[in-house]
């Protein structure tokens, strides 16, 4: 295990797909900074602070060493944030071909902006490759059961947002 990786995303909310990527990343990196994007242009269900709390609680729930996971928020360019945090790796999860095309564009742009920061892709766990935060929110809103798709600490908060 070496170095620090930044695992960026909106995590609105964090899902078991996200935690599976985080667990895989902990195999390769000594520390992972889960960086919640603070983007006022995006209509989020949860505040940045709520998302950060759910990530911390989910990391504890999955049994991760809290010394190896830092939860933070950022805005602006990801490569600048990574550089400020002394991270040379951006960790990204891939679910499908559509993800790959978008993520490849982002990785190449980040490489252009800062060639010292590398992007590493981890394939999504088979059990969660179809899980996306937007789908989880929509299914919950419509009354469906997402208990197997989100970490235990997330479910009550998600249900409360939709008065379920």
N, C-alpha and C. Protein backbone atom coordinates (compact mmCIF):
# COMPACT_ATOMS: atom_id res chain seq x y z
N UNK A 1 0.84 -1.18 0.00
CA UNK A 1 0.00 0.00 0.00
C UNK A 1 0.88 1.24 0.00
N UNK A 2 0.54 2.15 -0.89
CA UNK A 2 1.34 3.37 -0.98
C UNK A 2 0.47 4.55 -1.30
N UNK A 3 0.84 5.67 -0.74
CA UNK A 3 0.30 6.94 -1.16
C UNK A 3 -1.13 7.24 -0.77
N UNK A 4 -1.52 8.41 -1.23
CA UNK A 4 -2.85 8.95 -0.96
C UNK A 4 -3.60 9.06 -2.28
N UNK A 5 -4.86 8.65 -2.25
CA UNK A 5 -5.72 8.81 -3.41
C UNK A 5 -6.92 9.66 -3.02
N UNK A 6 -7.40 10.43 -3.96
CA UNK A 6 -8.63 11.21 -3.78
C UNK A 6 -9.74 10.49 -4.53
N UNK A 7 -10.81 10.18 -3.81
CA UNK A 7 -12.00 9.56 -4.41
C UNK A 7 -13.09 10.63 -4.43
N UNK A 8 -13.24 11.33 -5.57
CA UNK A 8 -14.19 12.44 -5.65
C UNK A 8 -15.58 12.00 -6.11
N UNK A 9 -16.56 12.78 -5.74
CA UNK A 9 -17.91 12.52 -6.24
C UNK A 9 -18.91 13.40 -5.53
N UNK A 10 -20.16 13.29 -5.98
CA UNK A 10 -21.21 14.03 -5.30
C UNK A 10 -21.75 13.23 -4.12
N UNK A 11 -21.76 11.91 -4.22
CA UNK A 11 -22.18 11.03 -3.13
C UNK A 11 -23.52 11.49 -2.53
N UNK A 12 -24.51 11.66 -3.41
CA UNK A 12 -25.80 12.22 -2.99
C UNK A 12 -26.93 11.21 -3.19
N UNK A 13 -27.00 10.16 -2.37
CA UNK A 13 -26.18 9.80 -1.23
C UNK A 13 -25.12 8.77 -1.62
N UNK A 14 -24.24 8.44 -0.67
CA UNK A 14 -23.29 7.36 -0.87
C UNK A 14 -24.08 6.05 -0.97
N UNK A 15 -23.66 5.17 -1.87
CA UNK A 15 -24.32 3.88 -2.08
C UNK A 15 -23.33 2.76 -1.77
N UNK A 16 -23.84 1.54 -1.79
CA UNK A 16 -22.94 0.39 -1.60
C UNK A 16 -21.99 0.24 -2.79
N UNK A 17 -22.36 0.77 -3.94
CA UNK A 17 -21.43 0.81 -5.07
C UNK A 17 -20.23 1.67 -4.73
N UNK A 18 -20.47 2.82 -4.13
CA UNK A 18 -19.38 3.70 -3.71
C UNK A 18 -18.50 3.04 -2.65
N UNK A 19 -19.15 2.40 -1.65
CA UNK A 19 -18.35 1.80 -0.58
C UNK A 19 -17.54 0.62 -1.10
N UNK A 20 -18.06 -0.09 -2.10
CA UNK A 20 -17.28 -1.19 -2.69
C UNK A 20 -16.03 -0.65 -3.39
N UNK A 21 -16.15 0.48 -4.08
CA UNK A 21 -14.99 1.11 -4.71
C UNK A 21 -14.01 1.57 -3.63
N UNK A 22 -14.53 2.14 -2.57
CA UNK A 22 -13.68 2.59 -1.46
C UNK A 22 -12.92 1.42 -0.85
N UNK A 23 -13.61 0.30 -0.60
CA UNK A 23 -12.95 -0.88 -0.04
C UNK A 23 -11.85 -1.39 -0.98
N UNK A 24 -12.13 -1.41 -2.27
CA UNK A 24 -11.10 -1.85 -3.23
C UNK A 24 -9.93 -0.89 -3.23
N UNK A 25 -10.21 0.39 -3.15
CA UNK A 25 -9.14 1.38 -3.13
C UNK A 25 -8.24 1.25 -1.92
N UNK A 26 -8.82 0.85 -0.80
CA UNK A 26 -8.02 0.69 0.43
C UNK A 26 -7.03 -0.46 0.33
N UNK A 27 -7.22 -1.36 -0.63
CA UNK A 27 -6.26 -2.43 -0.86
C UNK A 27 -4.97 -1.86 -1.44
N UNK A 28 -5.11 -0.81 -2.24
CA UNK A 28 -3.95 -0.27 -2.97
C UNK A 28 -3.34 0.98 -2.36
N UNK A 29 -4.12 1.73 -1.59
CA UNK A 29 -3.64 3.01 -1.09
C UNK A 29 -3.68 3.05 0.43
N UNK A 30 -2.68 3.70 1.01
CA UNK A 30 -2.63 3.76 2.48
C UNK A 30 -3.69 4.70 3.04
N UNK A 31 -4.08 5.70 2.24
CA UNK A 31 -5.10 6.64 2.69
C UNK A 31 -5.93 7.07 1.49
N UNK A 32 -7.23 7.20 1.72
CA UNK A 32 -8.13 7.70 0.68
C UNK A 32 -8.88 8.90 1.24
N UNK A 33 -8.86 9.96 0.48
CA UNK A 33 -9.64 11.15 0.80
C UNK A 33 -10.92 11.08 -0.02
N UNK A 34 -12.03 10.90 0.64
CA UNK A 34 -13.32 10.91 -0.04
C UNK A 34 -13.72 12.38 -0.11
N UNK A 35 -13.70 12.91 -1.32
CA UNK A 35 -13.89 14.35 -1.52
C UNK A 35 -15.27 14.62 -2.14
N UNK A 36 -16.12 15.25 -1.37
CA UNK A 36 -17.48 15.55 -1.79
C UNK A 36 -17.46 16.86 -2.58
N UNK A 37 -17.93 16.78 -3.80
CA UNK A 37 -17.98 17.95 -4.66
C UNK A 37 -19.05 18.92 -4.17
N UNK A 38 -18.64 20.14 -3.96
CA UNK A 38 -19.56 21.21 -3.57
C UNK A 38 -19.88 21.99 -4.84
N UNK A 39 -21.00 21.65 -5.46
CA UNK A 39 -21.37 22.24 -6.74
C UNK A 39 -22.76 22.87 -6.61
N UNK A 40 -22.79 24.19 -6.49
CA UNK A 40 -24.06 24.90 -6.32
C UNK A 40 -24.96 24.80 -7.55
N UNK A 41 -24.39 24.45 -8.71
CA UNK A 41 -25.18 24.33 -9.93
C UNK A 41 -25.98 23.03 -9.97
N UNK A 42 -25.65 22.09 -9.11
CA UNK A 42 -26.31 20.80 -9.08
C UNK A 42 -27.28 20.77 -7.91
N UNK A 43 -28.51 20.39 -8.16
CA UNK A 43 -29.53 20.33 -7.11
C UNK A 43 -29.36 19.02 -6.34
N UNK A 44 -28.79 19.11 -5.16
CA UNK A 44 -28.54 17.93 -4.34
C UNK A 44 -29.69 17.71 -3.36
N UNK A 45 -29.95 16.45 -3.04
CA UNK A 45 -30.95 16.11 -2.04
C UNK A 45 -30.41 16.38 -0.64
N UNK A 46 -29.14 16.06 -0.43
CA UNK A 46 -28.49 16.22 0.87
C UNK A 46 -27.48 17.35 0.81
N UNK A 47 -27.33 18.06 1.91
CA UNK A 47 -26.30 19.09 1.99
C UNK A 47 -24.92 18.43 1.97
N UNK A 48 -23.90 19.21 1.70
CA UNK A 48 -22.53 18.69 1.73
C UNK A 48 -22.22 18.11 3.11
N UNK A 49 -22.61 18.81 4.16
CA UNK A 49 -22.35 18.33 5.53
C UNK A 49 -23.06 17.00 5.79
N UNK A 50 -24.30 16.87 5.32
CA UNK A 50 -25.03 15.60 5.50
C UNK A 50 -24.33 14.47 4.74
N UNK A 51 -23.90 14.76 3.53
CA UNK A 51 -23.22 13.73 2.74
C UNK A 51 -21.91 13.31 3.40
N UNK A 52 -21.18 14.28 3.93
CA UNK A 52 -19.92 13.96 4.61
C UNK A 52 -20.19 13.10 5.85
N UNK A 53 -21.22 13.42 6.61
CA UNK A 53 -21.57 12.61 7.78
C UNK A 53 -21.93 11.19 7.36
N UNK A 54 -22.73 11.04 6.31
CA UNK A 54 -23.12 9.69 5.86
C UNK A 54 -21.92 8.89 5.38
N UNK A 55 -20.96 9.55 4.74
CA UNK A 55 -19.75 8.85 4.30
C UNK A 55 -18.95 8.36 5.50
N UNK A 56 -18.77 9.23 6.49
CA UNK A 56 -18.04 8.83 7.71
C UNK A 56 -18.74 7.65 8.39
N UNK A 57 -20.05 7.75 8.55
CA UNK A 57 -20.81 6.68 9.19
C UNK A 57 -20.75 5.39 8.39
N UNK A 58 -20.78 5.50 7.07
CA UNK A 58 -20.72 4.32 6.20
C UNK A 58 -19.35 3.67 6.26
N UNK A 59 -18.30 4.46 6.36
CA UNK A 59 -16.94 3.92 6.48
C UNK A 59 -16.81 3.12 7.77
N UNK A 60 -17.35 3.65 8.86
CA UNK A 60 -17.34 2.92 10.13
C UNK A 60 -18.16 1.64 9.99
N UNK A 61 -19.34 1.74 9.36
CA UNK A 61 -20.23 0.60 9.17
C UNK A 61 -19.56 -0.51 8.38
N UNK A 62 -18.71 -0.15 7.40
CA UNK A 62 -18.04 -1.18 6.59
C UNK A 62 -16.77 -1.70 7.26
N UNK A 63 -16.44 -1.18 8.44
CA UNK A 63 -15.30 -1.68 9.19
C UNK A 63 -13.96 -1.12 8.77
N UNK A 64 -13.96 -0.02 8.06
CA UNK A 64 -12.70 0.59 7.60
C UNK A 64 -11.98 1.27 8.76
N UNK A 65 -10.67 1.27 8.68
CA UNK A 65 -9.85 1.98 9.67
C UNK A 65 -10.04 3.47 9.46
N UNK A 66 -10.60 4.19 10.43
CA UNK A 66 -10.87 5.62 10.24
C UNK A 66 -9.61 6.45 10.00
N UNK A 67 -8.46 5.94 10.37
CA UNK A 67 -7.20 6.66 10.12
C UNK A 67 -6.83 6.63 8.64
N UNK A 68 -7.44 5.71 7.89
CA UNK A 68 -7.11 5.58 6.47
C UNK A 68 -8.09 6.27 5.55
N UNK A 69 -9.16 6.82 6.11
CA UNK A 69 -10.17 7.51 5.31
C UNK A 69 -10.37 8.91 5.86
N UNK A 70 -10.22 9.88 4.99
CA UNK A 70 -10.48 11.27 5.35
C UNK A 70 -11.65 11.73 4.48
N UNK A 71 -12.62 12.38 5.07
CA UNK A 71 -13.77 12.89 4.33
C UNK A 71 -13.67 14.40 4.31
N UNK A 72 -13.77 14.96 3.11
CA UNK A 72 -13.57 16.39 2.92
C UNK A 72 -14.51 16.86 1.82
N UNK A 73 -14.58 18.15 1.60
CA UNK A 73 -15.33 18.69 0.47
C UNK A 73 -14.42 19.61 -0.32
N UNK A 74 -14.79 19.83 -1.57
CA UNK A 74 -13.99 20.71 -2.41
C UNK A 74 -14.87 21.34 -3.47
N UNK A 75 -14.37 22.44 -4.02
CA UNK A 75 -14.96 23.01 -5.23
C UNK A 75 -13.80 23.42 -6.11
N UNK A 76 -14.09 23.76 -7.32
CA UNK A 76 -13.01 24.10 -8.25
C UNK A 76 -12.46 22.86 -8.94
N UNK A 77 -11.25 23.00 -9.47
CA UNK A 77 -10.64 21.91 -10.23
C UNK A 77 -10.15 20.80 -9.30
N UNK A 78 -10.50 19.59 -9.64
CA UNK A 78 -10.11 18.43 -8.85
C UNK A 78 -8.60 18.27 -8.76
N UNK A 79 -7.89 18.48 -9.86
CA UNK A 79 -6.43 18.31 -9.82
C UNK A 79 -5.78 19.32 -8.90
N UNK A 80 -6.34 20.51 -8.81
CA UNK A 80 -5.80 21.50 -7.86
C UNK A 80 -6.05 21.06 -6.43
N UNK A 81 -7.23 20.52 -6.18
CA UNK A 81 -7.54 20.01 -4.85
C UNK A 81 -6.59 18.86 -4.50
N UNK A 82 -6.40 17.92 -5.43
CA UNK A 82 -5.51 16.78 -5.18
C UNK A 82 -4.11 17.27 -4.85
N UNK A 83 -3.64 18.24 -5.59
CA UNK A 83 -2.30 18.77 -5.35
C UNK A 83 -2.21 19.42 -3.96
N UNK A 84 -3.23 20.17 -3.58
CA UNK A 84 -3.24 20.79 -2.24
C UNK A 84 -3.20 19.74 -1.13
N UNK A 85 -3.81 18.57 -1.40
CA UNK A 85 -3.87 17.50 -0.40
C UNK A 85 -2.71 16.50 -0.53
N UNK A 86 -1.74 16.82 -1.38
CA UNK A 86 -0.57 15.95 -1.60
C UNK A 86 -0.94 14.56 -2.09
N UNK A 87 -1.98 14.50 -2.90
CA UNK A 87 -2.41 13.23 -3.49
C UNK A 87 -1.99 13.22 -4.96
N UNK A 88 -1.42 12.13 -5.38
CA UNK A 88 -0.99 12.02 -6.77
C UNK A 88 -1.91 11.12 -7.59
N UNK A 89 -2.97 10.62 -6.95
CA UNK A 89 -3.89 9.70 -7.63
C UNK A 89 -5.33 10.13 -7.40
N UNK A 90 -6.10 10.09 -8.48
CA UNK A 90 -7.55 10.26 -8.42
C UNK A 90 -8.15 8.88 -8.63
N UNK A 91 -8.98 8.46 -7.73
CA UNK A 91 -9.62 7.14 -7.78
C UNK A 91 -11.03 7.30 -8.32
N UNK A 92 -11.34 6.52 -9.35
CA UNK A 92 -12.67 6.60 -9.96
C UNK A 92 -13.21 5.19 -10.17
N UNK A 93 -14.51 5.05 -10.00
CA UNK A 93 -15.17 3.77 -10.25
C UNK A 93 -15.80 3.77 -11.62
N UNK A 94 -15.81 2.59 -12.24
CA UNK A 94 -16.44 2.43 -13.56
C UNK A 94 -17.54 1.39 -13.46
N UNK A 95 -18.72 1.74 -13.98
CA UNK A 95 -19.84 0.81 -14.00
C UNK A 95 -20.07 0.24 -15.38
N UNK A 96 -20.07 1.06 -16.39
CA UNK A 96 -20.45 0.63 -17.73
C UNK A 96 -19.65 1.39 -18.78
N UNK A 97 -19.87 1.03 -20.02
CA UNK A 97 -19.15 1.67 -21.13
C UNK A 97 -19.39 3.18 -21.13
N UNK A 98 -20.61 3.60 -20.85
CA UNK A 98 -20.91 5.04 -20.82
C UNK A 98 -20.06 5.75 -19.78
N UNK A 99 -19.85 5.13 -18.62
CA UNK A 99 -18.97 5.70 -17.61
C UNK A 99 -17.56 5.84 -18.15
N UNK A 100 -17.09 4.80 -18.86
CA UNK A 100 -15.72 4.81 -19.34
C UNK A 100 -15.46 5.99 -20.28
N UNK A 101 -16.36 6.24 -21.20
CA UNK A 101 -16.17 7.33 -22.16
C UNK A 101 -16.05 8.67 -21.44
N UNK A 102 -16.95 8.93 -20.50
CA UNK A 102 -16.92 10.18 -19.75
C UNK A 102 -15.66 10.24 -18.88
N UNK A 103 -15.38 9.18 -18.16
CA UNK A 103 -14.23 9.16 -17.25
C UNK A 103 -12.91 9.29 -18.00
N UNK A 104 -12.82 8.71 -19.19
CA UNK A 104 -11.60 8.84 -20.00
C UNK A 104 -11.38 10.30 -20.39
N UNK A 105 -12.45 10.99 -20.78
CA UNK A 105 -12.34 12.41 -21.10
C UNK A 105 -11.85 13.20 -19.90
N UNK A 106 -12.44 12.93 -18.74
CA UNK A 106 -12.05 13.64 -17.53
C UNK A 106 -10.60 13.34 -17.15
N UNK A 107 -10.21 12.08 -17.24
CA UNK A 107 -8.84 11.69 -16.89
C UNK A 107 -7.83 12.37 -17.80
N UNK A 108 -8.15 12.43 -19.08
CA UNK A 108 -7.23 13.08 -20.02
C UNK A 108 -7.16 14.59 -19.79
N UNK A 109 -8.29 15.21 -19.47
CA UNK A 109 -8.27 16.64 -19.16
C UNK A 109 -7.47 16.89 -17.88
N UNK A 110 -7.68 16.05 -16.87
CA UNK A 110 -6.91 16.21 -15.64
C UNK A 110 -5.41 16.02 -15.89
N UNK A 111 -5.06 15.07 -16.73
CA UNK A 111 -3.65 14.84 -17.07
C UNK A 111 -3.08 16.07 -17.79
N UNK A 112 -3.90 16.67 -18.65
CA UNK A 112 -3.48 17.89 -19.35
C UNK A 112 -3.23 19.02 -18.34
N UNK A 113 -4.13 19.16 -17.38
CA UNK A 113 -4.03 20.24 -16.39
C UNK A 113 -2.89 20.02 -15.40
N UNK A 114 -2.63 18.75 -15.06
CA UNK A 114 -1.56 18.44 -14.12
C UNK A 114 -1.05 17.03 -14.38
N UNK A 115 0.03 16.90 -15.15
CA UNK A 115 0.54 15.57 -15.50
C UNK A 115 1.08 14.77 -14.31
N UNK A 116 1.22 15.41 -13.16
CA UNK A 116 1.72 14.70 -11.98
C UNK A 116 0.62 13.97 -11.22
N UNK A 117 -0.63 14.19 -11.59
CA UNK A 117 -1.76 13.52 -10.94
C UNK A 117 -2.31 12.49 -11.92
N UNK A 118 -2.34 11.25 -11.48
CA UNK A 118 -2.79 10.14 -12.33
C UNK A 118 -4.18 9.69 -11.89
N UNK A 119 -4.96 9.18 -12.85
CA UNK A 119 -6.28 8.64 -12.54
C UNK A 119 -6.20 7.12 -12.57
N UNK A 120 -6.76 6.49 -11.55
CA UNK A 120 -6.82 5.03 -11.47
C UNK A 120 -8.29 4.63 -11.45
N UNK A 121 -8.65 3.68 -12.30
CA UNK A 121 -10.03 3.21 -12.38
C UNK A 121 -10.18 1.87 -11.68
N UNK A 122 -11.26 1.73 -10.95
CA UNK A 122 -11.62 0.45 -10.33
C UNK A 122 -12.99 0.06 -10.86
N UNK A 123 -13.09 -1.17 -11.30
CA UNK A 123 -14.37 -1.65 -11.82
C UNK A 123 -15.35 -1.85 -10.67
N UNK A 124 -16.59 -1.50 -10.93
CA UNK A 124 -17.65 -1.66 -9.93
C UNK A 124 -17.85 -3.14 -9.60
N UNK A 125 -18.21 -3.39 -8.38
CA UNK A 125 -18.57 -4.73 -7.93
C UNK A 125 -19.78 -5.21 -8.75
N UNK A 126 -19.76 -6.49 -9.16
CA UNK A 126 -20.86 -7.04 -9.96
C UNK A 126 -22.22 -6.80 -9.33
N UNK A 127 -22.28 -6.85 -8.01
CA UNK A 127 -23.57 -6.71 -7.32
C UNK A 127 -24.11 -5.29 -7.40
N UNK A 128 -23.25 -4.32 -7.72
CA UNK A 128 -23.69 -2.92 -7.66
C UNK A 128 -23.40 -2.13 -8.94
N UNK A 129 -23.06 -2.79 -10.03
CA UNK A 129 -22.67 -2.06 -11.23
C UNK A 129 -23.80 -1.20 -11.80
N UNK A 130 -25.02 -1.51 -11.46
CA UNK A 130 -26.18 -0.75 -11.97
C UNK A 130 -26.63 0.34 -11.00
N UNK A 131 -26.04 0.40 -9.83
CA UNK A 131 -26.49 1.32 -8.79
C UNK A 131 -25.91 2.71 -9.01
N UNK A 132 -26.78 3.69 -9.02
CA UNK A 132 -26.39 5.09 -9.12
C UNK A 132 -27.22 5.87 -8.10
N UNK A 133 -26.63 6.89 -7.54
CA UNK A 133 -27.33 7.70 -6.53
C UNK A 133 -28.66 8.21 -7.06
N UNK A 134 -28.69 8.65 -8.30
CA UNK A 134 -29.93 9.18 -8.88
C UNK A 134 -31.02 8.11 -8.93
N UNK A 135 -30.65 6.88 -9.28
CA UNK A 135 -31.62 5.80 -9.31
C UNK A 135 -32.12 5.46 -7.91
N UNK A 136 -31.21 5.45 -6.96
CA UNK A 136 -31.57 5.17 -5.57
C UNK A 136 -32.58 6.21 -5.07
N UNK A 137 -32.33 7.48 -5.37
CA UNK A 137 -33.25 8.53 -4.94
C UNK A 137 -34.62 8.37 -5.61
N UNK A 138 -34.62 8.07 -6.90
CA UNK A 138 -35.89 7.94 -7.62
C UNK A 138 -36.70 6.75 -7.13
N UNK A 139 -36.04 5.61 -6.92
CA UNK A 139 -36.74 4.43 -6.42
C UNK A 139 -37.30 4.70 -5.02
N UNK A 140 -36.53 5.36 -4.18
CA UNK A 140 -37.01 5.70 -2.84
C UNK A 140 -38.22 6.64 -2.91
N UNK A 141 -38.12 7.64 -3.75
CA UNK A 141 -39.22 8.60 -3.92
C UNK A 141 -40.51 7.90 -4.32
N UNK A 142 -40.37 6.86 -5.14
CA UNK A 142 -41.54 6.13 -5.64
C UNK A 142 -41.97 4.99 -4.71
N UNK A 143 -41.31 4.86 -3.56
CA UNK A 143 -41.73 3.88 -2.57
C UNK A 143 -41.06 2.53 -2.67
N UNK A 144 -40.03 2.40 -3.50
CA UNK A 144 -39.33 1.13 -3.64
C UNK A 144 -38.33 0.91 -2.51
N UNK A 145 -37.89 -0.33 -2.39
CA UNK A 145 -36.98 -0.74 -1.33
C UNK A 145 -35.53 -0.67 -1.82
N UNK A 146 -34.73 0.18 -1.21
CA UNK A 146 -33.32 0.32 -1.58
C UNK A 146 -32.39 -0.10 -0.44
N UNK A 147 -32.91 -0.82 0.54
CA UNK A 147 -32.13 -1.19 1.73
C UNK A 147 -30.86 -1.96 1.37
N UNK A 148 -30.89 -2.74 0.31
CA UNK A 148 -29.70 -3.51 -0.09
C UNK A 148 -28.73 -2.71 -0.94
N UNK A 149 -29.08 -1.48 -1.27
CA UNK A 149 -28.26 -0.67 -2.18
C UNK A 149 -27.50 0.46 -1.50
N UNK A 150 -27.88 0.77 -0.27
CA UNK A 150 -27.21 1.85 0.46
C UNK A 150 -26.71 1.33 1.80
N UNK A 151 -25.62 1.90 2.31
CA UNK A 151 -25.15 1.50 3.64
C UNK A 151 -26.22 1.75 4.69
N UNK A 152 -26.22 0.95 5.74
CA UNK A 152 -27.24 1.04 6.79
C UNK A 152 -27.43 2.45 7.34
N UNK A 153 -26.35 3.23 7.57
CA UNK A 153 -26.56 4.57 8.13
C UNK A 153 -27.28 5.54 7.17
N UNK A 154 -27.30 5.21 5.89
CA UNK A 154 -27.89 6.10 4.89
C UNK A 154 -29.40 5.92 4.80
N UNK A 155 -29.86 4.70 4.95
CA UNK A 155 -31.28 4.39 4.70
C UNK A 155 -32.25 5.27 5.48
N UNK A 156 -32.12 5.43 6.80
CA UNK A 156 -33.11 6.26 7.50
C UNK A 156 -33.10 7.72 7.05
N UNK A 157 -31.93 8.22 6.73
CA UNK A 157 -31.84 9.62 6.25
C UNK A 157 -32.51 9.77 4.89
N UNK A 158 -32.31 8.78 4.04
CA UNK A 158 -32.91 8.79 2.70
C UNK A 158 -34.43 8.70 2.80
N UNK A 159 -34.90 7.80 3.62
CA UNK A 159 -36.35 7.66 3.78
C UNK A 159 -36.97 8.93 4.36
N UNK A 160 -36.28 9.56 5.29
CA UNK A 160 -36.79 10.80 5.90
C UNK A 160 -36.94 11.91 4.87
N UNK A 161 -36.04 11.97 3.90
CA UNK A 161 -36.11 13.02 2.88
C UNK A 161 -37.39 12.90 2.05
N UNK A 162 -37.91 11.68 1.95
CA UNK A 162 -39.12 11.46 1.15
C UNK A 162 -40.32 11.12 2.02
N UNK A 163 -40.21 11.35 3.32
CA UNK A 163 -41.31 11.07 4.26
C UNK A 163 -41.82 9.65 4.12
N UNK A 164 -40.91 8.71 4.03
CA UNK A 164 -41.28 7.28 3.89
C UNK A 164 -41.09 6.55 5.20
